[in-house]
Amino acid sequence: MTATDFDTARSYDDDQFSAVEVFRSDRMKVVCGYFEPGQFIPVHAPGSDVAIHVQSGTGVVRDGETERTVEPGDVVVVEADTDRGVKADADSRLEALLVTAPPPTDAEHDPVRKGLKRGEFDP
């Protein structure tokens, strides 16, 4: 069994969002995501479904062309091959559990790395 909690896993990075991997298999990846105000996961469209549970803070989740405001207790699911991204509000830290199935490939995360390097939520 793998077990943790947001307090134990908590890790913030001044430069970009922090993803603390809790579990990974060939079928699923689970991370605790920690976002300083305004930090984000750039919009990208990997071939995996993602379920996002907001633990604390506020922000937006992109699902295709739609941006949904999220707050503690919200659960958002974005289907595979759909543009998606997560962004903390400018005045709030955001903590969320992100479960992807199957785990995105390294190549599918290229747009994330490029967007972070350029500082663009929607590259």
C-alpha atoms as a PDB file:
ATOM      1  CA  MET A   1       0.000   0.000   0.000  1.00  0.00           C
ATOM      2  CA  THR A   2       1.149   3.508  -0.807  1.00  0.00           C
ATOM      3  CA  ALA A   3      -0.055   6.217   1.554  1.00  0.00           C
ATOM      4  CA  THR A   4       0.749   9.857   2.191  1.00  0.00           C
ATOM      5  CA  ASP A   5      -1.009  13.114   2.984  1.00  0.00           C
ATOM      6  CA  PHE A   6      -0.768  16.641   1.611  1.00  0.00           C
ATOM      7  CA  ASP A   7       1.082  17.926   4.691  1.00  0.00           C
ATOM      8  CA  THR A   8       3.766  15.236   4.507  1.00  0.00           C
ATOM      9  CA  ALA A   9       4.246  15.471   0.734  1.00  0.00           C
ATOM     10  CA  ARG A  10       4.017  19.307   0.595  1.00  0.00           C
ATOM     11  CA  SER A  11       6.774  20.866  -1.498  1.00  0.00           C
ATOM     12  CA  TYR A  12       6.643  24.280  -3.146  1.00  0.00           C
ATOM     13  CA  ASP A  13       9.041  25.645  -5.760  1.00  0.00           C
ATOM     14  CA  ASP A  14       9.406  29.381  -6.383  1.00  0.00           C
ATOM     15  CA  ASP A  15      10.019  28.841 -10.107  1.00  0.00           C
ATOM     16  CA  GLN A  16       7.249  26.414 -11.141  1.00  0.00           C
ATOM     17  CA  PHE A  17       4.546  24.104  -9.803  1.00  0.00           C
ATOM     18  CA  SER A  18       5.760  21.125  -7.807  1.00  0.00           C
ATOM     19  CA  ALA A  19       4.492  17.607  -8.546  1.00  0.00           C
ATOM     20  CA  VAL A  20       5.247  15.076  -5.813  1.00  0.00           C
ATOM     21  CA  GLU A  21       4.749  11.590  -7.228  1.00  0.00           C
ATOM     22  CA  VAL A  22       2.855   9.371  -4.814  1.00  0.00           C
ATOM     23  CA  PHE A  23       2.384   6.294  -7.009  1.00  0.00           C
ATOM     24  CA  ARG A  24       3.102   5.073 -10.530  1.00  0.00           C
ATOM     25  CA  SER A  25       2.304   1.908 -12.413  1.00  0.00           C
ATOM     26  CA  ASP A  26       1.832   1.085 -16.083  1.00  0.00           C
ATOM     27  CA  ARG A  27      -1.858   1.897 -15.614  1.00  0.00           C
ATOM     28  CA  MET A  28      -1.911   4.996 -13.379  1.00  0.00           C
ATOM     29  CA  LYS A  29       0.111   7.893 -11.996  1.00  0.00           C
ATOM     30  CA  VAL A  30      -0.820   9.804  -8.817  1.00  0.00           C
ATOM     31  CA  VAL A  31       0.766  13.119  -7.828  1.00  0.00           C
ATOM     32  CA  CYS A  32       0.162  15.815  -5.255  1.00  0.00           C
ATOM     33  CA  GLY A  33       0.438  19.129  -7.074  1.00  0.00           C
ATOM     34  CA  TYR A  34       1.547  22.288  -5.269  1.00  0.00           C
ATOM     35  CA  PHE A  35       1.180  25.640  -7.012  1.00  0.00           C
ATOM     36  CA  GLU A  36       2.307  29.025  -5.766  1.00  0.00           C
ATOM     37  CA  PRO A  37      -0.040  31.884  -6.793  1.00  0.00           C
ATOM     38  CA  GLY A  38      -0.131  32.151 -10.588  1.00  0.00           C
ATOM     39  CA  GLN A  39       1.836  28.935 -11.219  1.00  0.00           C
ATOM     40  CA  PHE A  40       0.488  26.441 -13.730  1.00  0.00           C
ATOM     41  CA  ILE A  41       0.709  23.230 -15.700  1.00  0.00           C
ATOM     42  CA  PRO A  42       0.697  24.428 -19.330  1.00  0.00           C
ATOM     43  CA  VAL A  43      -2.116  23.365 -21.617  1.00  0.00           C
ATOM     44  CA  HIS A  44      -1.337  20.075 -23.362  1.00  0.00           C
ATOM     45  CA  ALA A  45      -3.322  17.069 -24.638  1.00  0.00           C
ATOM     46  CA  PRO A  46      -1.805  13.721 -23.608  1.00  0.00           C
ATOM     47  CA  GLY A  47      -3.464  10.394 -24.372  1.00  0.00           C
ATOM     48  CA  SER A  48      -4.563   9.845 -20.774  1.00  0.00           C
ATOM     49  CA  ASP A  49      -7.569  10.735 -18.668  1.00  0.00           C
ATOM     50  CA  VAL A  50      -6.937  12.919 -15.623  1.00  0.00           C
ATOM     51  CA  ALA A  51      -8.970  13.339 -12.443  1.00  0.00           C
ATOM     52  CA  ILE A  52      -8.149  16.406 -10.349  1.00  0.00           C
ATOM     53  CA  HIS A  53      -9.296  16.844  -6.750  1.00  0.00           C
ATOM     54  CA  VAL A  54      -8.694  20.304  -5.277  1.00  0.00           C
ATOM     55  CA  GLN A  55      -7.440  20.020  -1.715  1.00  0.00           C
ATOM     56  CA  SER A  56      -6.979  23.737  -1.002  1.00  0.00           C
ATOM     57  CA  GLY A  57      -6.792  27.090  -2.753  1.00  0.00           C
ATOM     58  CA  THR A  58      -8.458  28.288  -5.927  1.00  0.00           C
ATOM     59  CA  GLY A  59      -7.642  28.287  -9.621  1.00  0.00           C
ATOM     60  CA  VAL A  60      -8.810  27.167 -13.037  1.00  0.00           C
ATOM     61  CA  VAL A  61      -8.725  23.891 -14.938  1.00  0.00           C
ATOM     62  CA  ARG A  62      -8.789  24.026 -18.750  1.00  0.00           C
ATOM     63  CA  ASP A  63     -10.897  21.376 -20.472  1.00  0.00           C
ATOM     64  CA  GLY A  64     -10.720  21.937 -24.224  1.00  0.00           C
ATOM     65  CA  GLU A  65     -11.927  25.496 -24.782  1.00  0.00           C
ATOM     66  CA  THR A  66     -13.585  25.726 -21.352  1.00  0.00           C
ATOM     67  CA  GLU A  67     -11.942  27.077 -18.193  1.00  0.00           C
ATOM     68  CA  ARG A  68     -13.601  25.947 -14.976  1.00  0.00           C
ATOM     69  CA  THR A  69     -13.006  27.807 -11.720  1.00  0.00           C
ATOM     70  CA  VAL A  70     -12.081  25.323  -8.974  1.00  0.00           C
ATOM     71  CA  GLU A  71     -12.011  25.474  -5.194  1.00  0.00           C
ATOM     72  CA  PRO A  72     -11.515  23.046  -2.292  1.00  0.00           C
ATOM     73  CA  GLY A  73     -13.587  19.883  -2.648  1.00  0.00           C
ATOM     74  CA  ASP A  74     -14.031  20.158  -6.425  1.00  0.00           C
ATOM     75  CA  VAL A  75     -13.336  17.133  -8.604  1.00  0.00           C
ATOM     76  CA  VAL A  76     -12.734  17.694 -12.316  1.00  0.00           C
ATOM     77  CA  VAL A  77     -12.117  14.985 -14.926  1.00  0.00           C
ATOM     78  CA  VAL A  78     -10.666  15.722 -18.363  1.00  0.00           C
ATOM     79  CA  GLU A  79     -10.702  12.984 -20.977  1.00  0.00           C
ATOM     80  CA  ALA A  80      -7.664  11.817 -22.947  1.00  0.00           C
ATOM     81  CA  ASP A  81      -6.554  13.751 -26.038  1.00  0.00           C
ATOM     82  CA  THR A  82      -8.275  16.929 -24.785  1.00  0.00           C
ATOM     83  CA  ASP A  83      -6.386  20.181 -24.193  1.00  0.00           C
ATOM     84  CA  ARG A  84      -5.971  20.625 -20.452  1.00  0.00           C
ATOM     85  CA  GLY A  85      -4.038  22.677 -17.963  1.00  0.00           C
ATOM     86  CA  VAL A  86      -4.184  23.775 -14.325  1.00  0.00           C
ATOM     87  CA  LYS A  87      -3.479  27.272 -13.004  1.00  0.00           C
ATOM     88  CA  ALA A  88      -3.543  28.704  -9.480  1.00  0.00           C
ATOM     89  CA  ASP A  89      -5.254  32.048  -9.014  1.00  0.00           C
ATOM     90  CA  ALA A  90      -2.921  35.038  -8.719  1.00  0.00           C
ATOM     91  CA  ASP A  91      -3.763  35.459  -5.030  1.00  0.00           C
ATOM     92  CA  SER A  92      -3.916  31.837  -3.838  1.00  0.00           C
ATOM     93  CA  ARG A  93      -1.758  28.784  -3.472  1.00  0.00           C
ATOM     94  CA  LEU A  94      -3.398  25.688  -4.976  1.00  0.00           C
ATOM     95  CA  GLU A  95      -2.999  22.096  -3.814  1.00  0.00           C
ATOM     96  CA  ALA A  96      -4.549  19.276  -5.823  1.00  0.00           C
ATOM     97  CA  LEU A  97      -4.406  15.515  -6.263  1.00  0.00           C
ATOM     98  CA  LEU A  98      -3.926  14.571  -9.929  1.00  0.00           C
ATOM     99  CA  VAL A  99      -4.559  11.005 -11.086  1.00  0.00           C
ATOM    100  CA  THR A 100      -3.709  10.148 -14.708  1.00  0.00           C
ATOM    101  CA  ALA A 101      -4.505   6.876 -16.426  1.00  0.00           C
ATOM    102  CA  PRO A 102      -2.469   5.678 -18.137  1.00  0.00           C
ATOM    103  CA  PRO A 103       0.555   7.799 -17.187  1.00  0.00           C
ATOM    104  CA  PRO A 104       1.501  10.312 -19.902  1.00  0.00           C
ATOM    105  CA  THR A 105       4.633   9.527 -21.867  1.00  0.00           C
ATOM    106  CA  ASP A 106       7.752  11.658 -21.685  1.00  0.00           C
ATOM    107  CA  ALA A 107       7.067  12.884 -25.237  1.00  0.00           C
ATOM    108  CA  GLU A 108       3.524  13.912 -24.237  1.00  0.00           C
ATOM    109  CA  HIS A 109       5.045  16.146 -21.559  1.00  0.00           C
ATOM    110  CA  ASP A 110       7.203  18.078 -24.078  1.00  0.00           C
ATOM    111  CA  PRO A 111       4.540  20.820 -24.407  1.00  0.00           C
ATOM    112  CA  VAL A 112       4.523  21.136 -20.598  1.00  0.00           C
ATOM    113  CA  ARG A 113       8.292  21.614 -20.440  1.00  0.00           C
ATOM    114  CA  LYS A 114       8.208  24.097 -23.340  1.00  0.00           C
ATOM    115  CA  GLY A 115       5.338  26.072 -21.825  1.00  0.00           C
ATOM    116  CA  LEU A 116       7.074  26.258 -18.451  1.00  0.00           C
ATOM    117  CA  LYS A 117      10.316  27.381 -20.091  1.00  0.00           C
ATOM    118  CA  ARG A 118       8.464  30.172 -21.936  1.00  0.00           C
ATOM    119  CA  GLY A 119       6.223  31.001 -18.990  1.00  0.00           C
ATOM    120  CA  GLU A 120       3.078  30.333 -21.047  1.00  0.00           C
ATOM    121  CA  PHE A 121      -0.040  28.669 -19.670  1.00  0.00           C
ATOM    122  CA  ASP A 122      -1.524  28.288 -23.158  1.00  0.00           C
ATOM    123  CA  PRO A 123       1.469  27.844 -25.503  1.00  0.00           C
END
